[in-house]
Amino acid sequence: MRRTVIRALVAAAAVAAFSAGAQAQQEIRIGVIYPLTGPAASTGAELKSALELAADIINNGAKSVAGLPFANGGGLPNLKGAKIKLVFADHQGNPQTGASEAERLISQEKVVALVGSYFSNVTATASQVAERYGVPFLNPESSSATLTQRGFKWFFRTTPHDDLFVHNFFDFMKELEAKKKMKIGTIATFNENTLWGNETTKLEARLAPDNGYNIVKQVTYPAKSTQLTSEVQTLKAAAPSLVMQSSYLGDALLSMKTYKELGFSPDMILANNAGFTDTEFIKTLGKDAEYVITREVWALDLAKSKPGQINYASAGIGSGAHMNAEQFKLATGINVVHVPFKGTPEALTNVIGGSVSFFFSPITGAVTLVKGGKITALAVSTKERSPVLPDLPSATEVGVPGFEFNLWTGLLGPAKMPKDVKDKLNKEAVGILSAPDVKERMLTQGATPHPMSPAQFDAFIKSEVERLAKVVKASGAKAD
């Protein structure tokens, strides 16, 4: 994601420089239009921070982050080191305000390119202004398919569109049915009454019968609603087993609360990103945010198609997290770059900050951050699900069959320990690990006790050394 944002800014600056003869300028002024107040303010704030970070990296560098484009800083190398200056505007979720702010940024702030605007309906109006002025408009996230069907010369988009996303929804449902030997029942759609929501509704209605599914109800609601009781009652009366929903943050939160109040609980809510992927969604709803499945802009084959351009964190060379990731590389065939840190806290901090793509963290260190919405948990590397995060699937469940990695701790002693002492210590340790209160406390911290005899533990260690020797050899890891 961080690379995408940086490249988006560079693309905007490069096109702007070409269009405005800005090669000789020391500063490239780019206008950014996002919802900085109103129901989607938290989303706007995240997008604003991402662009500010990208501009800072381009202008000032981030040499400690391996493999990051423009990490050397110094501005834009092909524009004689010109620095990027971002000028922000707040569209408040209003298409007319977005158009007015685009006009102001171009005519008064003298920006040479625009970036925005998250809401598809605002992107539509703001980009019309940019087109009229012949100013490049770069759109990183609005997904309405018609935005790129208008024949505009100065409109550019870096994200896929809803036609692809909705096709993927139905592909996902068919694959789910095949893998789980189940049948998805009737479907209802629940989308906001805007450009994005209405286009999504039409796509879902058109593609559902082509894929063998029955939409029993289509419900739309006014954007930024203050109550959704009647709409949810209509949904509940239709009794669908699956709801396909497109909502920005405020409406996503309100709908989930209304579902709970009215006792509406379909088997699945399949969300179209937006409010459902905002960090405030989980933070605000807590456990009520669980069991929602949402799409996100992510490609499973990205690491294979762009080898060496995705990185991962570890707690240091040779650490469990390092070996876990290297075994994952072997299992999946992906080529990703190792970025070692000085421990789990530093690695997690960089995951939160977005300077690394992923990290195999000990569950005890990550569970609070996961529940607080600071990081996204994708899967556990153990064979079974963890009781600490019981709804989190194993790697095998999400498409990496046979992959398993366990971080373990054992009790060891001197090589020549007398047998009677060894047996006594083992008996005491097994007794402690088998005690119900100890087991319960360990489970709540993400650890599963596995009492073994000395002979069993010795055989286990030998098998682990043999297994990890192959991983170390394949990774080329060497101690500092």
Protein backbone atom coordinates (compact mmCIF):
# COMPACT_ATOMS: atom_id res chain seq x y z
CA MET A 1 0.00 0.00 0.00
CA ARG A 2 2.78 2.45 0.90
CA ARG A 3 4.51 1.80 -2.42
CA THR A 4 1.23 2.35 -4.27
CA VAL A 5 0.67 5.73 -2.58
CA ILE A 6 4.24 6.85 -3.35
CA ARG A 7 3.96 5.82 -6.98
CA ALA A 8 0.57 7.54 -7.22
CA LEU A 9 2.11 10.81 -6.03
CA VAL A 10 5.04 10.42 -8.41
CA ALA A 11 2.64 9.71 -11.29
CA ALA A 12 0.61 12.81 -10.45
CA ALA A 13 3.75 14.94 -10.22
CA ALA A 14 5.22 13.57 -13.44
CA VAL A 15 2.06 14.09 -15.50
CA ALA A 16 1.59 17.52 -13.93
CA ALA A 17 5.15 18.53 -14.74
CA PHE A 18 4.66 17.51 -18.35
CA SER A 19 1.36 19.34 -18.64
CA ALA A 20 2.44 22.56 -16.93
CA GLY A 21 6.06 22.80 -17.98
CA ALA A 22 7.09 22.35 -14.36
CA GLN A 23 10.49 20.78 -15.01
CA ALA A 24 12.26 23.90 -13.83
CA GLN A 25 10.14 24.36 -10.72
CA GLN A 26 11.58 23.72 -7.28
CA GLU A 27 8.17 22.77 -5.92
CA ILE A 28 5.35 20.73 -7.46
CA ARG A 29 2.01 21.80 -5.91
CA ILE A 30 -0.54 18.98 -5.87
CA GLY A 31 -4.10 19.47 -4.63
CA VAL A 32 -5.70 16.72 -2.54
CA ILE A 33 -9.48 16.54 -2.04
CA TYR A 34 -10.74 14.18 0.69
CA PRO A 35 -13.51 14.05 3.34
CA LEU A 36 -11.70 15.65 6.28
CA THR A 37 -14.88 16.41 8.25
CA GLY A 38 -18.22 14.60 8.47
CA PRO A 39 -19.04 10.88 8.81
CA ALA A 40 -16.01 9.75 6.78
CA ALA A 41 -13.52 12.08 8.48
CA SER A 42 -11.48 9.23 9.99
CA THR A 43 -11.05 7.69 6.53
CA GLY A 44 -10.03 11.06 5.13
CA ALA A 45 -7.53 11.49 7.94
CA GLU A 46 -5.93 8.11 7.16
CA LEU A 47 -5.70 8.93 3.45
CA LYS A 48 -4.24 12.36 4.24
CA SER A 49 -1.61 10.80 6.53
CA ALA A 50 -0.68 8.25 3.87
CA LEU A 51 -0.10 10.95 1.26
CA GLU A 52 1.83 13.12 3.72
CA LEU A 53 4.09 10.17 4.52
CA ALA A 54 4.61 9.44 0.82
CA ALA A 55 5.49 13.08 0.12
CA ASP A 56 7.89 13.12 3.07
CA ILE A 57 9.65 9.99 1.80
CA ILE A 58 10.00 11.47 -1.71
CA ASN A 59 11.20 14.82 -0.37
CA ASN A 60 13.33 13.77 2.59
CA GLY A 61 13.95 10.03 2.21
CA ALA A 62 13.58 6.90 4.33
CA LYS A 63 16.89 5.15 3.81
CA SER A 64 16.29 2.65 6.61
CA VAL A 65 13.45 0.98 4.67
CA ALA A 66 14.88 -1.55 2.25
CA GLY A 67 13.54 -1.68 -1.28
CA LEU A 68 11.20 1.32 -0.95
CA PRO A 69 10.92 3.48 -4.09
CA PHE A 70 12.38 7.00 -3.72
CA ALA A 71 13.73 6.10 -0.26
CA ASN A 72 16.87 8.13 -0.93
CA GLY A 73 14.83 11.33 -0.82
CA GLY A 74 16.00 14.51 -2.47
CA GLY A 75 12.78 15.14 -4.35
CA LEU A 76 11.89 13.93 -7.84
CA PRO A 77 15.11 12.90 -9.64
CA ASN A 78 13.72 13.41 -13.16
CA LEU A 79 12.48 16.90 -12.26
CA LYS A 80 15.83 18.20 -10.99
CA GLY A 81 15.01 17.36 -7.37
CA ALA A 82 11.71 19.27 -7.26
CA LYS A 83 9.91 18.74 -3.97
CA ILE A 84 6.22 17.85 -3.63
CA LYS A 85 3.93 20.30 -1.83
CA LEU A 86 0.47 18.96 -0.93
CA VAL A 87 -2.45 21.38 -0.65
CA PHE A 88 -5.45 19.77 1.08
CA ALA A 89 -9.15 20.51 0.69
CA ASP A 90 -12.20 19.08 2.48
CA HIS A 91 -15.17 18.00 0.34
CA GLN A 92 -17.25 16.88 3.39
CA GLY A 93 -18.78 14.07 1.33
CA ASN A 94 -20.60 16.61 -0.87
CA PRO A 95 -20.19 16.45 -4.70
CA GLN A 96 -20.86 20.19 -5.12
CA THR A 97 -18.31 21.06 -2.44
CA GLY A 98 -15.81 18.76 -4.14
CA ALA A 99 -16.28 20.57 -7.44
CA SER A 100 -15.92 23.98 -5.75
CA GLU A 101 -12.74 22.90 -3.97
CA ALA A 102 -11.28 21.60 -7.23
CA GLU A 103 -11.99 24.97 -8.83
CA ARG A 104 -10.35 26.80 -5.91
CA LEU A 105 -7.26 24.59 -5.84
CA ILE A 106 -6.67 25.05 -9.56
CA SER A 107 -7.52 28.74 -9.95
CA GLN A 108 -6.34 30.14 -6.60
CA GLU A 109 -3.82 27.67 -5.15
CA LYS A 110 -2.30 27.11 -8.60
CA VAL A 111 -1.93 23.34 -8.17
CA VAL A 112 -0.77 21.46 -11.26
CA ALA A 113 -2.56 18.19 -10.44
CA LEU A 114 -5.36 16.89 -8.22
CA VAL A 115 -5.63 13.68 -6.19
CA GLY A 116 -8.89 12.33 -4.69
CA SER A 117 -11.60 11.94 -3.73
CA TYR A 118 -12.56 8.58 -2.12
CA PHE A 119 -16.31 9.12 -2.69
CA SER A 120 -17.07 8.18 -6.30
CA ASN A 121 -19.75 10.86 -6.67
CA VAL A 122 -17.32 13.55 -5.48
CA THR A 123 -14.58 12.18 -7.74
CA ALA A 124 -17.03 12.49 -10.65
CA THR A 125 -17.72 16.21 -10.10
CA ALA A 126 -14.21 17.24 -9.05
CA SER A 127 -12.62 15.48 -12.02
CA GLN A 128 -15.04 17.26 -14.38
CA VAL A 129 -13.58 20.56 -13.19
CA ALA A 130 -10.03 19.25 -13.68
CA GLU A 131 -10.92 18.05 -17.17
CA ARG A 132 -12.25 21.49 -18.08
CA TYR A 133 -8.97 23.09 -17.00
CA GLY A 134 -6.78 20.39 -18.56
CA VAL A 135 -5.34 19.51 -15.14
CA PRO A 136 -4.45 15.86 -14.36
CA PHE A 137 -6.75 14.20 -11.82
CA LEU A 138 -5.34 11.06 -10.19
CA ASN A 139 -7.88 8.82 -8.47
CA PRO A 140 -6.37 6.20 -6.11
CA GLU A 141 -9.51 4.64 -4.59
CA SER A 142 -12.94 5.53 -6.10
CA SER A 143 -14.23 2.38 -7.79
CA SER A 144 -17.35 3.30 -9.80
CA ALA A 145 -16.81 1.73 -13.22
CA THR A 146 -18.28 4.68 -15.15
CA LEU A 147 -15.55 7.07 -13.95
CA THR A 148 -13.21 5.69 -16.61
CA GLN A 149 -15.94 5.40 -19.25
CA ARG A 150 -16.41 9.15 -19.79
CA GLY A 151 -13.71 9.61 -22.41
CA PHE A 152 -11.77 12.06 -20.24
CA LYS A 153 -8.22 12.93 -21.29
CA TRP A 154 -6.94 14.04 -17.88
CA PHE A 155 -8.48 11.42 -15.57
CA PHE A 156 -6.29 8.58 -14.28
CA ARG A 157 -7.20 5.79 -11.84
CA THR A 158 -4.87 3.36 -10.02
CA THR A 159 -7.48 1.05 -8.45
CA PRO A 160 -9.64 -1.67 -10.02
CA HIS A 161 -13.33 -0.88 -10.45
CA ASP A 162 -16.60 -2.32 -9.18
CA ASP A 163 -17.30 -4.35 -12.30
CA LEU A 164 -14.26 -6.46 -11.41
CA PHE A 165 -15.05 -6.43 -7.70
CA VAL A 166 -18.63 -7.65 -8.16
CA HIS A 167 -17.46 -10.38 -10.55
CA ASN A 168 -15.01 -11.40 -7.82
CA PHE A 169 -17.84 -11.52 -5.26
CA PHE A 170 -19.65 -14.17 -7.26
CA ASP A 171 -16.44 -16.07 -8.01
CA PHE A 172 -15.78 -16.09 -4.26
CA MET A 173 -19.28 -17.44 -3.53
CA LYS A 174 -18.94 -20.26 -6.05
CA GLU A 175 -15.51 -21.19 -4.75
CA LEU A 176 -16.80 -21.12 -1.17
CA GLU A 177 -19.66 -23.44 -2.08
CA ALA A 178 -17.30 -25.85 -3.84
CA LYS A 179 -14.70 -25.95 -1.06
CA LYS A 180 -17.11 -26.06 1.88
CA LYS A 181 -19.68 -28.33 0.21
CA MET A 182 -22.42 -25.84 1.00
CA LYS A 183 -25.09 -23.87 -0.83
CA ILE A 184 -25.58 -20.12 -0.48
CA GLY A 185 -29.27 -19.31 -0.32
CA THR A 186 -31.04 -16.13 -1.33
CA ILE A 187 -29.29 -12.79 -1.54
CA ALA A 188 -30.29 -9.21 -0.74
CA THR A 189 -28.39 -6.06 -1.68
CA PHE A 190 -28.09 -3.08 0.67
CA ASN A 191 -26.33 -0.11 -0.88
CA GLU A 192 -26.28 3.63 -0.47
CA ASN A 193 -28.21 5.73 -2.99
CA THR A 194 -25.22 7.40 -4.68
CA LEU A 195 -23.21 6.86 -7.86
CA TRP A 196 -21.11 4.14 -6.20
CA GLY A 197 -23.99 2.36 -4.47
CA ASN A 198 -26.40 2.50 -7.41
CA GLU A 199 -23.83 1.25 -9.91
CA THR A 200 -22.94 -1.59 -7.55
CA THR A 201 -26.62 -2.51 -7.16
CA LYS A 202 -27.05 -2.70 -10.95
CA LEU A 203 -23.96 -4.85 -11.35
CA GLU A 204 -25.06 -7.24 -8.61
CA ALA A 205 -28.57 -7.51 -10.09
CA ARG A 206 -27.16 -8.20 -13.56
CA LEU A 207 -24.53 -10.74 -12.54
CA ALA A 208 -26.47 -12.70 -9.89
CA PRO A 209 -28.69 -14.72 -12.28
CA ASP A 210 -25.76 -15.27 -14.65
CA ASN A 211 -24.00 -17.02 -11.76
CA GLY A 212 -27.03 -18.97 -10.54
CA TYR A 213 -28.00 -16.79 -7.56
CA ASN A 214 -31.33 -15.24 -6.63
CA ILE A 215 -31.58 -11.67 -5.34
CA VAL A 216 -34.82 -11.50 -3.36
CA LYS A 217 -34.57 -7.84 -2.34
CA GLN A 218 -32.71 -4.70 -3.41
CA VAL A 219 -32.67 -2.00 -0.74
CA THR A 220 -31.05 1.41 -1.12
CA TYR A 221 -30.85 4.14 1.50
CA PRO A 222 -29.92 7.85 1.52
CA ALA A 223 -26.22 8.43 2.14
CA LYS A 224 -25.31 9.78 5.59
CA SER A 225 -28.62 8.55 7.04
CA THR A 226 -29.48 9.20 10.68
CA GLN A 227 -31.60 6.05 10.97
CA LEU A 228 -31.98 2.85 8.93
CA THR A 229 -34.78 1.12 10.83
CA SER A 230 -37.29 0.84 7.98
CA GLU A 231 -34.63 -0.31 5.50
CA VAL A 232 -33.34 -3.02 7.84
CA GLN A 233 -36.91 -4.15 8.60
CA THR A 234 -37.39 -4.57 4.84
CA LEU A 235 -34.21 -6.61 4.64
CA LYS A 236 -35.22 -8.75 7.60
CA ALA A 237 -38.64 -9.46 6.08
CA ALA A 238 -36.96 -10.75 2.91
CA ALA A 239 -34.94 -13.23 5.07
CA PRO A 240 -31.85 -13.48 2.83
CA SER A 241 -29.02 -15.77 3.81
CA LEU A 242 -26.46 -13.32 2.42
CA VAL A 243 -26.41 -9.51 2.25
CA MET A 244 -24.16 -7.71 -0.23
CA GLN A 245 -23.54 -4.23 1.18
CA SER A 246 -21.84 -1.02 0.01
CA SER A 247 -21.56 1.64 2.74
CA TYR A 248 -19.15 4.33 3.85
CA LEU A 249 -18.12 4.39 7.49
CA GLY A 250 -21.02 6.27 9.12
CA ASP A 251 -23.63 4.16 7.34
CA ALA A 252 -21.68 0.94 7.91
CA LEU A 253 -21.62 1.59 11.67
CA LEU A 254 -25.29 2.59 11.78
CA SER A 255 -26.41 -0.44 9.77
CA MET A 256 -24.53 -2.90 11.99
CA LYS A 257 -26.02 -1.35 15.13
CA THR A 258 -29.49 -1.47 13.58
CA TYR A 259 -29.04 -5.10 12.55
CA LYS A 260 -28.32 -5.95 16.17
CA GLU A 261 -31.20 -3.88 17.55
CA LEU A 262 -33.71 -5.51 15.19
CA GLY A 263 -32.30 -9.03 15.50
CA PHE A 264 -31.34 -9.30 11.85
CA SER A 265 -28.52 -11.82 11.48
CA PRO A 266 -27.96 -13.20 7.97
CA ASP A 267 -25.49 -16.04 7.49
CA MET A 268 -23.07 -13.70 5.76
CA ILE A 269 -22.53 -9.99 5.12
CA LEU A 270 -20.35 -9.54 2.05
CA ALA A 271 -19.14 -5.94 2.11
CA ASN A 272 -17.75 -3.79 -0.66
CA ASN A 273 -14.78 -2.32 1.23
CA ALA A 274 -15.16 1.40 2.18
CA GLY A 275 -16.50 1.79 5.74
CA PHE A 276 -15.98 -1.87 6.56
CA THR A 277 -12.20 -1.61 6.16
CA ASP A 278 -11.83 1.64 8.08
CA THR A 279 -9.96 1.11 11.36
CA GLU A 280 -12.80 2.88 13.20
CA PHE A 281 -15.22 0.12 12.15
CA ILE A 282 -13.68 -2.53 14.40
CA LYS A 283 -12.67 0.02 17.03
CA THR A 284 -16.26 1.27 17.40
CA LEU A 285 -18.16 -2.00 17.11
CA GLY A 286 -15.80 -4.41 18.86
CA LYS A 287 -17.16 -7.95 18.68
CA ASP A 288 -20.19 -6.74 16.71
CA ALA A 289 -17.82 -6.16 13.78
CA GLU A 290 -17.01 -9.86 13.56
CA TYR A 291 -18.31 -12.20 10.84
CA VAL A 292 -18.36 -9.49 8.19
CA ILE A 293 -16.46 -10.49 5.05
CA THR A 294 -15.19 -7.61 2.94
CA ARG A 295 -13.19 -7.29 -0.22
CA GLU A 296 -9.98 -5.28 -0.19
CA VAL A 297 -7.61 -4.13 -2.91
CA TRP A 298 -5.12 -6.95 -2.63
CA ALA A 299 -3.74 -9.47 -5.10
CA LEU A 300 -2.73 -12.91 -3.85
CA ASP A 301 -0.38 -13.30 -6.80
CA LEU A 302 1.26 -9.90 -6.32
CA ALA A 303 4.40 -11.31 -4.69
CA LYS A 304 4.83 -13.75 -7.58
CA SER A 305 4.16 -11.23 -10.32
CA LYS A 306 6.43 -8.61 -8.69
CA PRO A 307 9.20 -10.66 -7.07
CA GLY A 308 11.30 -8.85 -4.49
CA GLN A 309 8.99 -5.82 -4.28
CA ILE A 310 7.09 -6.90 -1.16
CA ASN A 311 8.81 -7.02 2.20
CA TYR A 312 8.19 -8.65 5.57
CA ALA A 313 9.35 -7.94 9.10
CA SER A 314 11.02 -10.24 11.59
CA ALA A 315 12.26 -9.92 15.16
CA GLY A 316 15.83 -10.47 13.94
CA ILE A 317 17.85 -12.80 11.74
CA GLY A 318 17.23 -16.41 12.77
CA SER A 319 14.25 -15.53 14.98
CA GLY A 320 11.09 -17.61 14.95
CA ALA A 321 9.33 -14.93 12.91
CA HIS A 322 12.15 -15.02 10.34
CA MET A 323 12.03 -18.81 9.98
CA ASN A 324 8.22 -18.75 9.89
CA ALA A 325 8.22 -16.33 6.96
CA GLU A 326 10.96 -18.23 5.14
CA GLN A 327 8.98 -21.45 5.44
CA PHE A 328 5.95 -19.54 4.12
CA LYS A 329 8.06 -18.46 1.13
CA LEU A 330 8.93 -22.09 0.44
CA ALA A 331 5.30 -23.18 0.74
CA THR A 332 3.95 -20.47 -1.58
CA GLY A 333 6.82 -19.86 -3.98
CA ILE A 334 6.73 -16.10 -3.43
CA ASN A 335 9.80 -13.87 -3.43
CA VAL A 336 9.62 -11.28 -0.65
CA VAL A 337 12.33 -9.18 1.01
CA HIS A 338 13.35 -9.75 4.64
CA VAL A 339 13.57 -6.65 6.87
CA PRO A 340 14.96 -7.66 10.30
CA PHE A 341 14.21 -5.55 13.37
CA LYS A 342 15.52 -5.68 16.94
CA GLY A 343 12.49 -7.43 18.37
CA THR A 344 8.75 -7.99 18.11
CA PRO A 345 7.72 -4.51 19.38
CA GLU A 346 9.82 -2.74 16.73
CA ALA A 347 8.58 -5.09 14.01
CA LEU A 348 4.93 -4.51 14.99
CA THR A 349 5.48 -0.74 15.06
CA ASN A 350 6.66 -0.86 11.46
CA VAL A 351 3.70 -3.02 10.43
CA ILE A 352 1.35 -0.42 11.94
CA GLY A 353 3.27 2.35 10.18
CA GLY A 354 3.08 0.52 6.86
CA SER A 355 6.81 0.37 6.09
CA VAL A 356 6.59 -3.43 5.86
CA SER A 357 3.89 -5.56 4.28
CA PHE A 358 3.50 -8.37 6.82
CA PHE A 359 4.95 -10.01 9.92
CA PHE A 360 4.53 -13.44 11.53
CA SER A 361 4.06 -12.21 15.08
CA PRO A 362 3.75 -14.25 18.28
CA ILE A 363 0.04 -14.09 18.96
CA THR A 364 0.59 -12.82 22.50
CA GLY A 365 2.31 -9.72 21.17
CA ALA A 366 -0.27 -8.98 18.48
CA VAL A 367 -3.66 -9.85 19.97
CA THR A 368 -4.23 -6.45 21.63
CA LEU A 369 -3.33 -4.62 18.42
CA VAL A 370 -5.63 -6.87 16.40
CA LYS A 371 -8.58 -6.33 18.72
CA GLY A 372 -7.85 -2.60 18.80
CA GLY A 373 -7.95 -2.35 15.01
CA LYS A 374 -4.30 -1.27 14.74
CA ILE A 375 -3.28 -4.22 12.56
CA THR A 376 -5.17 -6.78 10.49
CA ALA A 377 -4.78 -10.46 11.34
CA LEU A 378 -4.83 -12.68 8.24
CA ALA A 379 -4.28 -16.20 9.60
CA VAL A 380 -2.47 -18.25 12.24
CA SER A 381 0.46 -20.44 11.26
CA THR A 382 -0.56 -23.27 13.59
CA LYS A 383 -2.43 -26.35 12.43
CA GLU A 384 -5.50 -25.46 14.45
CA ARG A 385 -7.14 -22.11 15.16
CA SER A 386 -6.07 -20.27 18.30
CA PRO A 387 -8.50 -20.03 21.23
CA VAL A 388 -7.33 -16.42 21.68
CA LEU A 389 -8.63 -15.48 18.21
CA PRO A 390 -11.02 -18.34 17.44
CA ASP A 391 -12.47 -16.69 14.33
CA LEU A 392 -9.06 -16.31 12.71
CA PRO A 393 -8.46 -19.13 10.18
CA SER A 394 -5.32 -21.21 9.86
CA ALA A 395 -3.01 -20.72 6.87
CA THR A 396 -4.29 -24.01 5.47
CA GLU A 397 -7.85 -22.70 5.54
CA VAL A 398 -6.96 -19.57 3.56
CA GLY A 399 -5.21 -21.39 0.76
CA VAL A 400 -1.75 -22.56 1.89
CA PRO A 401 -2.34 -26.30 2.39
CA GLY A 402 0.02 -28.12 4.73
CA PHE A 403 1.70 -24.96 5.98
CA GLU A 404 2.38 -25.06 9.73
CA PHE A 405 4.85 -23.29 11.99
CA ASN A 406 4.82 -23.32 15.79
CA LEU A 407 6.85 -21.17 18.13
CA TRP A 408 7.58 -23.31 21.17
CA THR A 409 9.36 -23.12 24.51
CA GLY A 410 10.76 -26.14 26.37
CA LEU A 411 12.53 -26.95 29.64
CA LEU A 412 16.15 -28.02 29.12
CA GLY A 413 18.99 -29.03 31.43
CA PRO A 414 22.68 -30.02 31.33
CA ALA A 415 23.62 -32.88 28.99
CA LYS A 416 24.81 -35.14 31.84
CA MET A 417 21.86 -34.60 34.17
CA PRO A 418 21.22 -37.78 36.25
CA LYS A 419 18.23 -39.80 35.02
CA ASP A 420 16.43 -39.72 38.36
CA VAL A 421 16.68 -35.91 38.49
CA LYS A 422 15.56 -35.63 34.87
CA ASP A 423 12.56 -37.90 35.47
CA LYS A 424 11.56 -36.02 38.62
CA LEU A 425 11.75 -32.62 36.91
CA ASN A 426 9.77 -33.96 33.97
CA LYS A 427 7.07 -35.35 36.25
CA GLU A 428 6.73 -31.99 38.02
CA ALA A 429 6.67 -30.05 34.75
CA VAL A 430 4.04 -32.34 33.22
CA GLY A 431 1.94 -32.02 36.37
CA ILE A 432 2.11 -28.21 36.24
CA LEU A 433 1.30 -28.06 32.52
CA SER A 434 -1.64 -30.40 33.04
CA ALA A 435 -3.17 -28.38 35.90
CA PRO A 436 -6.50 -26.85 34.76
CA ASP A 437 -5.69 -23.34 36.02
CA VAL A 438 -2.29 -23.33 34.30
CA LYS A 439 -3.76 -24.64 31.05
CA GLU A 440 -6.49 -22.00 31.13
CA ARG A 441 -4.04 -19.16 31.77
CA MET A 442 -1.72 -20.32 29.01
CA LEU A 443 -4.59 -20.63 26.53
CA THR A 444 -5.78 -17.08 27.26
CA GLN A 445 -2.26 -15.87 26.38
CA GLY A 446 -2.14 -17.77 23.12
CA ALA A 447 -0.01 -20.71 24.29
CA THR A 448 -1.08 -24.35 24.14
CA PRO A 449 0.59 -26.72 26.64
CA HIS A 450 2.00 -29.97 25.18
CA PRO A 451 3.43 -32.12 28.00
CA MET A 452 6.01 -34.66 26.77
CA SER A 453 8.28 -37.29 28.23
CA PRO A 454 12.07 -36.67 27.97
CA ALA A 455 12.28 -39.16 25.10
CA GLN A 456 9.38 -37.50 23.24
CA PHE A 457 10.86 -34.04 23.72
CA ASP A 458 14.27 -35.23 22.51
CA ALA A 459 12.69 -36.68 19.34
CA PHE A 460 10.71 -33.48 18.82
CA ILE A 461 13.83 -31.29 19.02
CA LYS A 462 15.66 -33.50 16.52
CA SER A 463 12.73 -33.28 14.08
CA GLU A 464 12.61 -29.49 14.48
CA VAL A 465 16.37 -29.17 13.82
CA GLU A 466 16.00 -31.28 10.69
CA ARG A 467 12.99 -29.31 9.46
CA LEU A 468 14.45 -25.87 10.16
CA ALA A 469 17.84 -26.79 8.66
CA LYS A 470 16.11 -27.00 5.28
CA VAL A 471 14.45 -23.61 5.83
CA VAL A 472 17.73 -21.97 6.91
CA LYS A 473 19.58 -23.44 3.92
CA ALA A 474 16.90 -22.28 1.47
CA SER A 475 16.83 -18.79 2.98
CA GLY A 476 20.58 -18.33 3.00
CA ALA A 477 20.30 -16.82 6.49
CA LYS A 478 23.56 -16.29 8.35
CA ALA A 479 24.21 -15.11 11.88
CA ASP A 480 25.64 -11.58 12.20
